[in-house]
């Protein structure tokens, strides 16, 4: 048995790599969900035969509410992975990106979704509320989220590379 592979430092390195792999996988999953739902499913559903605006909006409300719940679960998991265990806690620029992600998610759910839901209610009640910037603001939040989760994934991947192939001096 190789003594070096069983040292506390080697075990700590393996634990950090496992955590960093989750820190890569979860943001990539989040990115894919937003890309698939916000930028593929949402626009295409209105082109399906027989889909009316009210029906499409009802489907969209259900899908985006579920997406936001799953995003919240992923953000919670990333938060736990960012601050626990203490030996693998994030710091510096990664912490700033995490704060940005929390801010964008909270803004999207707390400030952008309610007016969008109100507009959906109006349309479902038969009104024609006209143009609104809220869909564009939601899209901007999704784009910001996609950028932030990609940055987090790249930072985690770089951390893995530094751990498995430390720089030669």
C-alpha atoms as a PDB file:
ATOM      1  CA  UNK A   1       0.000   0.000   0.000  1.00  0.00           C
ATOM      2  CA  UNK A   2       1.304   3.439  -0.902  1.00  0.00           C
ATOM      3  CA  UNK A   3       1.807   5.474   2.281  1.00  0.00           C
ATOM      4  CA  UNK A   4       1.599   8.797   0.413  1.00  0.00           C
ATOM      5  CA  UNK A   5      -1.893   7.974  -0.856  1.00  0.00           C
ATOM      6  CA  UNK A   6      -3.199   7.460   2.672  1.00  0.00           C
ATOM      7  CA  UNK A   7      -1.795  10.575   4.317  1.00  0.00           C
ATOM      8  CA  UNK A   8      -4.179  13.174   5.751  1.00  0.00           C
ATOM      9  CA  UNK A   9      -3.061  15.612   3.023  1.00  0.00           C
ATOM     10  CA  UNK A  10      -3.911  13.107   0.281  1.00  0.00           C
ATOM     11  CA  UNK A  11      -7.307  12.449   1.845  1.00  0.00           C
ATOM     12  CA  UNK A  12      -7.959  16.186   2.126  1.00  0.00           C
ATOM     13  CA  UNK A  13      -7.013  16.633  -1.545  1.00  0.00           C
ATOM     14  CA  UNK A  14      -9.429  13.859  -2.584  1.00  0.00           C
ATOM     15  CA  UNK A  15     -12.217  15.458  -0.536  1.00  0.00           C
ATOM     16  CA  UNK A  16     -11.557  18.851  -2.111  1.00  0.00           C
ATOM     17  CA  UNK A  17     -11.601  17.337  -5.604  1.00  0.00           C
ATOM     18  CA  UNK A  18     -14.945  15.644  -4.909  1.00  0.00           C
ATOM     19  CA  UNK A  19     -16.417  18.934  -3.666  1.00  0.00           C
ATOM     20  CA  UNK A  20     -15.004  20.814  -6.654  1.00  0.00           C
ATOM     21  CA  UNK A  21     -16.506  18.240  -9.027  1.00  0.00           C
ATOM     22  CA  UNK A  22     -19.931  19.027  -7.546  1.00  0.00           C
ATOM     23  CA  UNK A  23     -19.078  22.731  -7.862  1.00  0.00           C
ATOM     24  CA  UNK A  24     -18.557  22.109 -11.588  1.00  0.00           C
ATOM     25  CA  UNK A  25     -21.518  19.788 -12.150  1.00  0.00           C
ATOM     26  CA  UNK A  26     -24.250  21.828 -10.450  1.00  0.00           C
ATOM     27  CA  UNK A  27     -23.555  25.096 -12.310  1.00  0.00           C
ATOM     28  CA  UNK A  28     -23.330  23.218 -15.622  1.00  0.00           C
ATOM     29  CA  UNK A  29     -26.664  21.543 -14.872  1.00  0.00           C
ATOM     30  CA  UNK A  30     -28.177  24.933 -13.981  1.00  0.00           C
ATOM     31  CA  UNK A  31     -26.817  26.460 -17.199  1.00  0.00           C
ATOM     32  CA  UNK A  32     -28.341  23.634 -19.253  1.00  0.00           C
ATOM     33  CA  UNK A  33     -31.724  23.966 -17.587  1.00  0.00           C
ATOM     34  CA  UNK A  34     -31.924  27.690 -18.309  1.00  0.00           C
ATOM     35  CA  UNK A  35     -30.732  27.220 -21.882  1.00  0.00           C
ATOM     36  CA  UNK A  36     -33.238  24.442 -22.532  1.00  0.00           C
ATOM     37  CA  UNK A  37     -36.246  26.020 -20.867  1.00  0.00           C
ATOM     38  CA  UNK A  38     -35.822  29.770 -21.281  1.00  0.00           C
ATOM     39  CA  UNK A  39     -34.237  29.849 -24.706  1.00  0.00           C
ATOM     40  CA  UNK A  40     -35.582  26.709 -26.416  1.00  0.00           C
ATOM     41  CA  UNK A  41     -38.836  25.493 -24.840  1.00  0.00           C
ATOM     42  CA  UNK A  42     -40.413  28.860 -24.039  1.00  0.00           C
ATOM     43  CA  UNK A  43     -40.280  30.367 -27.537  1.00  0.00           C
ATOM     44  CA  UNK A  44     -41.034  27.091 -29.323  1.00  0.00           C
ATOM     45  CA  UNK A  45     -44.166  26.186 -27.363  1.00  0.00           C
ATOM     46  CA  UNK A  46     -46.082  29.045 -28.996  1.00  0.00           C
ATOM     47  CA  UNK A  47     -45.305  27.586 -32.429  1.00  0.00           C
ATOM     48  CA  UNK A  48     -46.893  24.220 -31.616  1.00  0.00           C
ATOM     49  CA  UNK A  49     -50.201  23.546 -33.374  1.00  0.00           C
ATOM     50  CA  UNK A  50     -53.225  24.301 -31.235  1.00  0.00           C
ATOM     51  CA  UNK A  51     -51.359  26.247 -28.551  1.00  0.00           C
ATOM     52  CA  UNK A  52     -53.197  29.459 -27.758  1.00  0.00           C
ATOM     53  CA  UNK A  53     -51.621  32.394 -25.927  1.00  0.00           C
ATOM     54  CA  UNK A  54     -53.536  31.606 -22.696  1.00  0.00           C
ATOM     55  CA  UNK A  55     -52.604  27.918 -22.892  1.00  0.00           C
ATOM     56  CA  UNK A  56     -48.949  28.740 -23.599  1.00  0.00           C
ATOM     57  CA  UNK A  57     -48.871  31.223 -20.723  1.00  0.00           C
ATOM     58  CA  UNK A  58     -50.405  28.670 -18.361  1.00  0.00           C
ATOM     59  CA  UNK A  59     -47.809  26.084 -19.370  1.00  0.00           C
ATOM     60  CA  UNK A  60     -45.059  28.695 -19.091  1.00  0.00           C
ATOM     61  CA  UNK A  61     -46.129  29.717 -15.599  1.00  0.00           C
ATOM     62  CA  UNK A  62     -46.007  26.083 -14.456  1.00  0.00           C
ATOM     63  CA  UNK A  63     -42.668  25.365 -16.145  1.00  0.00           C
ATOM     64  CA  UNK A  64     -40.953  28.547 -14.925  1.00  0.00           C
ATOM     65  CA  UNK A  65     -42.277  28.164 -11.376  1.00  0.00           C
ATOM     66  CA  UNK A  66     -40.818  24.654 -11.332  1.00  0.00           C
ATOM     67  CA  UNK A  67     -37.566  25.887 -12.885  1.00  0.00           C
ATOM     68  CA  UNK A  68     -37.258  28.535 -10.187  1.00  0.00           C
ATOM     69  CA  UNK A  69     -37.803  25.926  -7.464  1.00  0.00           C
ATOM     70  CA  UNK A  70     -35.114  23.685  -8.955  1.00  0.00           C
ATOM     71  CA  UNK A  71     -32.812  26.702  -9.331  1.00  0.00           C
ATOM     72  CA  UNK A  72     -33.348  27.463  -5.651  1.00  0.00           C
ATOM     73  CA  UNK A  73     -32.466  23.886  -4.706  1.00  0.00           C
ATOM     74  CA  UNK A  74     -29.312  24.029  -6.831  1.00  0.00           C
ATOM     75  CA  UNK A  75     -28.388  27.395  -5.311  1.00  0.00           C
ATOM     76  CA  UNK A  76     -28.893  25.948  -1.831  1.00  0.00           C
ATOM     77  CA  UNK A  77     -26.673  22.976  -2.702  1.00  0.00           C
ATOM     78  CA  UNK A  78     -24.018  25.319  -4.125  1.00  0.00           C
ATOM     79  CA  UNK A  79     -24.240  27.437  -0.983  1.00  0.00           C
ATOM     80  CA  UNK A  80     -23.660  24.400   1.224  1.00  0.00           C
ATOM     81  CA  UNK A  81     -20.757  23.302  -0.991  1.00  0.00           C
ATOM     82  CA  UNK A  82     -19.321  26.817  -0.897  1.00  0.00           C
ATOM     83  CA  UNK A  83     -19.108  27.081   2.877  1.00  0.00           C
ATOM     84  CA  UNK A  84     -18.817  23.501   4.065  1.00  0.00           C
ATOM     85  CA  UNK A  85     -16.547  21.830   4.898  1.00  0.00           C
ATOM     86  CA  UNK A  86     -14.447  24.631   6.273  1.00  0.00           C
ATOM     87  CA  UNK A  87     -11.314  23.165   4.678  1.00  0.00           C
ATOM     88  CA  UNK A  88     -12.827  23.645   1.191  1.00  0.00           C
ATOM     89  CA  UNK A  89     -14.623  26.968   1.746  1.00  0.00           C
ATOM     90  CA  UNK A  90     -14.628  29.385  -1.185  1.00  0.00           C
ATOM     91  CA  UNK A  91     -13.044  32.809  -0.938  1.00  0.00           C
ATOM     92  CA  UNK A  92     -12.049  35.823  -2.978  1.00  0.00           C
ATOM     93  CA  UNK A  93     -13.418  36.198  -6.472  1.00  0.00           C
ATOM     94  CA  UNK A  94     -15.418  32.980  -6.251  1.00  0.00           C
ATOM     95  CA  UNK A  95     -17.246  34.378  -3.243  1.00  0.00           C
ATOM     96  CA  UNK A  96     -18.095  37.528  -5.227  1.00  0.00           C
ATOM     97  CA  UNK A  97     -19.488  35.430  -8.084  1.00  0.00           C
ATOM     98  CA  UNK A  98     -21.563  33.426  -5.577  1.00  0.00           C
ATOM     99  CA  UNK A  99     -22.951  36.680  -4.096  1.00  0.00           C
ATOM    100  CA  UNK A 100     -23.801  37.856  -7.621  1.00  0.00           C
ATOM    101  CA  UNK A 101     -25.645  34.613  -8.291  1.00  0.00           C
ATOM    102  CA  UNK A 102     -27.623  34.908  -5.059  1.00  0.00           C
ATOM    103  CA  UNK A 103     -28.502  38.521  -5.890  1.00  0.00           C
ATOM    104  CA  UNK A 104     -29.668  37.763  -9.450  1.00  0.00           C
ATOM    105  CA  UNK A 105     -31.711  34.744  -8.348  1.00  0.00           C
ATOM    106  CA  UNK A 106     -33.361  36.649  -5.493  1.00  0.00           C
ATOM    107  CA  UNK A 107     -34.143  39.603  -7.778  1.00  0.00           C
ATOM    108  CA  UNK A 108     -35.608  37.331 -10.452  1.00  0.00           C
ATOM    109  CA  UNK A 109     -37.855  35.478  -8.020  1.00  0.00           C
ATOM    110  CA  UNK A 110     -38.825  38.354  -5.726  1.00  0.00           C
ATOM    111  CA  UNK A 111     -39.067  41.312  -8.116  1.00  0.00           C
ATOM    112  CA  UNK A 112     -39.432  40.050 -11.699  1.00  0.00           C
ATOM    113  CA  UNK A 113     -41.669  36.994 -11.366  1.00  0.00           C
ATOM    114  CA  UNK A 114     -44.549  38.772  -9.520  1.00  0.00           C
ATOM    115  CA  UNK A 115     -45.231  41.300 -12.337  1.00  0.00           C
ATOM    116  CA  UNK A 116     -44.938  38.511 -14.915  1.00  0.00           C
ATOM    117  CA  UNK A 117     -47.446  36.435 -12.954  1.00  0.00           C
ATOM    118  CA  UNK A 118     -49.767  39.444 -12.729  1.00  0.00           C
ATOM    119  CA  UNK A 119     -49.570  39.916 -16.519  1.00  0.00           C
ATOM    120  CA  UNK A 120     -50.327  36.229 -17.027  1.00  0.00           C
ATOM    121  CA  UNK A 121     -53.364  36.599 -14.744  1.00  0.00           C
ATOM    122  CA  UNK A 122     -54.571  39.556 -16.827  1.00  0.00           C
ATOM    123  CA  UNK A 123     -54.198  37.654 -20.114  1.00  0.00           C
ATOM    124  CA  UNK A 124     -55.878  34.558 -18.678  1.00  0.00           C
ATOM    125  CA  UNK A 125     -58.762  36.819 -17.542  1.00  0.00           C
ATOM    126  CA  UNK A 126     -59.157  38.037 -21.136  1.00  0.00           C
ATOM    127  CA  UNK A 127     -57.332  41.378 -20.930  1.00  0.00           C
ATOM    128  CA  UNK A 128     -54.718  42.591 -23.397  1.00  0.00           C
ATOM    129  CA  UNK A 129     -52.160  44.355 -21.181  1.00  0.00           C
ATOM    130  CA  UNK A 130     -49.888  45.423 -24.057  1.00  0.00           C
ATOM    131  CA  UNK A 131     -46.100  45.557 -24.127  1.00  0.00           C
ATOM    132  CA  UNK A 132     -44.045  45.185 -20.972  1.00  0.00           C
ATOM    133  CA  UNK A 133     -40.316  45.147 -20.207  1.00  0.00           C
ATOM    134  CA  UNK A 134     -40.659  42.336 -17.642  1.00  0.00           C
ATOM    135  CA  UNK A 135     -39.982  39.481 -20.071  1.00  0.00           C
ATOM    136  CA  UNK A 136     -36.794  41.214 -21.200  1.00  0.00           C
ATOM    137  CA  UNK A 137     -35.740  41.794 -17.601  1.00  0.00           C
ATOM    138  CA  UNK A 138     -36.330  38.099 -16.867  1.00  0.00           C
ATOM    139  CA  UNK A 139     -34.249  37.166 -19.915  1.00  0.00           C
ATOM    140  CA  UNK A 140     -31.475  39.489 -18.718  1.00  0.00           C
ATOM    141  CA  UNK A 141     -31.557  37.773 -15.324  1.00  0.00           C
ATOM    142  CA  UNK A 142     -31.311  34.382 -17.024  1.00  0.00           C
ATOM    143  CA  UNK A 143     -28.369  35.516 -19.148  1.00  0.00           C
ATOM    144  CA  UNK A 144     -26.639  36.930 -16.058  1.00  0.00           C
ATOM    145  CA  UNK A 145     -27.269  33.654 -14.220  1.00  0.00           C
ATOM    146  CA  UNK A 146     -25.851  31.666 -17.132  1.00  0.00           C
ATOM    147  CA  UNK A 147     -22.693  33.780 -17.164  1.00  0.00           C
ATOM    148  CA  UNK A 148     -22.267  33.519 -13.392  1.00  0.00           C
ATOM    149  CA  UNK A 149     -22.755  29.746 -13.245  1.00  0.00           C
ATOM    150  CA  UNK A 150     -20.291  29.286 -16.104  1.00  0.00           C
ATOM    151  CA  UNK A 151     -17.753  31.402 -14.256  1.00  0.00           C
ATOM    152  CA  UNK A 152     -18.294  29.314 -11.109  1.00  0.00           C
ATOM    153  CA  UNK A 153     -17.872  26.084 -13.067  1.00  0.00           C
ATOM    154  CA  UNK A 154     -14.652  27.302 -14.681  1.00  0.00           C
ATOM    155  CA  UNK A 155     -13.280  28.444 -11.317  1.00  0.00           C
ATOM    156  CA  UNK A 156     -14.034  25.034  -9.803  1.00  0.00           C
ATOM    157  CA  UNK A 157     -12.490  23.231 -12.778  1.00  0.00           C
ATOM    158  CA  UNK A 158      -9.333  25.330 -12.456  1.00  0.00           C
ATOM    159  CA  UNK A 159      -9.180  24.471  -8.772  1.00  0.00           C
ATOM    160  CA  UNK A 160      -9.341  20.777  -9.654  1.00  0.00           C
ATOM    161  CA  UNK A 161      -6.542  21.200 -12.175  1.00  0.00           C
ATOM    162  CA  UNK A 162      -4.378  23.010  -9.609  1.00  0.00           C
ATOM    163  CA  UNK A 163      -4.983  20.183  -7.132  1.00  0.00           C
ATOM    164  CA  UNK A 164      -4.247  17.276  -9.468  1.00  0.00           C
ATOM    165  CA  UNK A 165      -1.432  18.954 -11.414  1.00  0.00           C
ATOM    166  CA  UNK A 166       0.220  21.548  -9.174  1.00  0.00           C
ATOM    167  CA  UNK A 167       2.368  24.139 -10.900  1.00  0.00           C
ATOM    168  CA  UNK A 168       6.035  23.172 -11.165  1.00  0.00           C
ATOM    169  CA  UNK A 169       8.481  25.562  -9.606  1.00  0.00           C
END
